[in-house]
Amino acid sequence: MRADGGLRVDERISEEDMQHLHAFPHERKATLMERIAAHEANKAVRLVGRDHFERTLARLRRDGFVLVDVQREALGLSSVWFRKSEGVQGRRRAEAIMVRSEEQDEGPVTTVLTWWL
């Protein structure tokens, strides 16, 4: 833990997450990031308070998402998670979720953006 009470990246993103990040094909990641940038998120949730970032990452791991991108930001951390799942009528669906954690005046804020691709 940092002196200011925040968590370091290595406390939020596990070694297993980093292995998935490095194993995810670069071309596939680039395509995914382009698709995300080209569309507005289907769902956006803003959570204020401690532990929301860690709980969200735990839920994503439990639900079969893998880390495909992580960026340190001045006041926080941004990560992109991906999975393919069974959609309606057996059609496969891809989901991408961006989770951003940052310190703001009101305290720690976690923003979760979801794309159904």
Protein backbone atom coordinates (compact mmCIF):
# COMPACT_ATOMS: atom_id res chain seq x y z
CA MET A 1 0.00 0.00 0.00
CA ARG A 2 1.24 3.52 -0.76
CA ALA A 3 1.73 6.08 1.99
CA ASP A 4 -1.39 7.97 0.82
CA GLY A 5 -3.57 4.89 1.39
CA GLY A 6 -3.96 3.99 -2.29
CA LEU A 7 -2.98 0.63 -3.71
CA ARG A 8 -0.11 0.00 -6.10
CA VAL A 9 -0.85 -1.57 -9.47
CA ASP A 10 0.70 -4.87 -8.39
CA GLU A 11 -1.81 -5.08 -5.53
CA ARG A 12 -4.77 -4.69 -7.87
CA ILE A 13 -3.63 -6.59 -10.96
CA SER A 14 -2.47 -10.14 -10.19
CA GLU A 15 0.41 -12.03 -11.76
CA GLU A 16 -2.15 -14.27 -13.50
CA ASP A 17 -3.83 -11.16 -14.96
CA MET A 18 -0.46 -9.99 -16.27
CA GLN A 19 0.16 -13.39 -17.87
CA HIS A 20 -3.17 -13.09 -19.73
CA LEU A 21 -2.24 -9.54 -20.74
CA HIS A 22 1.07 -10.65 -22.25
CA ALA A 23 -0.45 -13.73 -23.92
CA PHE A 24 -3.33 -11.85 -25.58
CA PRO A 25 -2.45 -11.42 -29.29
CA HIS A 26 -1.39 -7.87 -30.15
CA GLU A 27 -3.43 -7.77 -33.39
CA ARG A 28 -6.55 -8.93 -31.56
CA LYS A 29 -6.00 -6.31 -28.85
CA ALA A 30 -5.58 -3.57 -31.46
CA THR A 31 -8.83 -4.62 -33.18
CA LEU A 32 -10.66 -4.73 -29.86
CA MET A 33 -9.42 -1.28 -28.83
CA GLU A 34 -10.47 0.14 -32.23
CA ARG A 35 -13.97 -1.33 -31.83
CA ILE A 36 -14.26 0.15 -28.34
CA ALA A 37 -13.10 3.57 -29.54
CA ALA A 38 -15.58 3.50 -32.44
CA HIS A 39 -18.65 2.87 -30.28
CA GLU A 40 -20.25 4.45 -27.27
CA ALA A 41 -20.39 2.17 -24.26
CA ASN A 42 -23.65 0.21 -23.85
CA LYS A 43 -23.55 0.71 -20.12
CA ALA A 44 -21.75 3.07 -17.74
CA VAL A 45 -21.66 2.85 -13.94
CA ARG A 46 -19.93 5.26 -11.56
CA LEU A 47 -19.15 4.01 -8.04
CA VAL A 48 -17.85 6.25 -5.24
CA GLY A 49 -16.03 4.78 -2.26
CA ARG A 50 -13.26 2.40 -1.30
CA ASP A 51 -12.99 -1.19 -2.53
CA HIS A 52 -15.23 -0.83 -5.61
CA PHE A 53 -12.27 -1.22 -7.99
CA GLU A 54 -11.01 -4.39 -6.31
CA ARG A 55 -14.52 -5.88 -6.07
CA THR A 56 -15.16 -5.15 -9.74
CA LEU A 57 -11.90 -6.84 -10.78
CA ALA A 58 -12.74 -9.88 -8.62
CA ARG A 59 -16.18 -10.13 -10.27
CA LEU A 60 -14.65 -9.87 -13.76
CA ARG A 61 -12.15 -12.64 -12.99
CA ARG A 62 -14.93 -14.83 -11.55
CA ASP A 63 -17.06 -14.25 -14.67
CA GLY A 64 -14.29 -15.34 -17.06
CA PHE A 65 -12.93 -11.99 -18.25
CA VAL A 66 -9.20 -11.66 -19.00
CA LEU A 67 -7.06 -8.55 -18.80
CA VAL A 68 -6.08 -7.18 -22.23
CA ASP A 69 -4.84 -3.68 -21.39
CA VAL A 70 -3.75 -1.71 -18.34
CA GLN A 71 -2.65 1.92 -18.14
CA ARG A 72 -1.37 3.89 -15.18
CA GLU A 73 -2.82 7.37 -15.03
CA ALA A 74 -1.78 10.41 -12.99
CA LEU A 75 -4.39 9.79 -10.28
CA GLY A 76 -5.38 6.21 -10.92
CA LEU A 77 -5.47 3.14 -13.10
CA SER A 78 -7.42 2.08 -16.19
CA SER A 79 -7.84 -1.52 -17.33
CA VAL A 80 -9.67 -3.27 -20.16
CA TRP A 81 -11.09 -6.78 -19.75
CA PHE A 82 -12.51 -9.12 -22.42
CA ARG A 83 -14.50 -12.32 -22.77
CA LYS A 84 -16.53 -14.20 -25.31
CA SER A 85 -19.74 -15.70 -23.99
CA GLU A 86 -22.87 -17.43 -25.16
CA GLY A 87 -25.37 -14.86 -26.29
CA VAL A 88 -28.99 -15.15 -27.31
CA GLN A 89 -29.94 -18.32 -29.24
CA GLY A 90 -26.46 -19.78 -28.86
CA ARG A 91 -24.74 -16.96 -30.80
CA ARG A 92 -21.39 -16.03 -29.29
CA ARG A 93 -21.02 -12.50 -28.05
CA ALA A 94 -17.92 -10.53 -27.15
CA GLU A 95 -17.90 -8.23 -24.16
CA ALA A 96 -15.32 -5.61 -23.26
CA ILE A 97 -15.26 -3.75 -19.97
CA MET A 98 -13.11 -0.79 -19.07
CA VAL A 99 -12.59 -0.21 -15.36
CA ARG A 100 -11.10 3.11 -14.34
CA SER A 101 -10.11 3.96 -10.78
CA GLU A 102 -9.13 7.48 -9.82
CA GLU A 103 -8.88 9.75 -6.82
CA GLN A 104 -11.23 12.72 -6.93
CA ASP A 105 -12.30 15.36 -4.42
CA GLU A 106 -15.17 13.14 -3.28
CA GLY A 107 -12.83 10.19 -2.71
CA PRO A 108 -11.99 7.09 -4.76
CA VAL A 109 -14.17 6.78 -7.88
CA THR A 110 -14.50 3.65 -10.01
CA THR A 111 -16.06 3.96 -13.46
CA VAL A 112 -17.14 0.79 -15.28
CA LEU A 113 -17.89 1.02 -19.02
CA THR A 114 -19.34 -2.00 -20.86
CA TRP A 115 -19.42 -2.71 -24.60
CA TRP A 116 -21.30 -5.60 -26.18
CA LEU A 117 -19.50 -6.23 -29.46
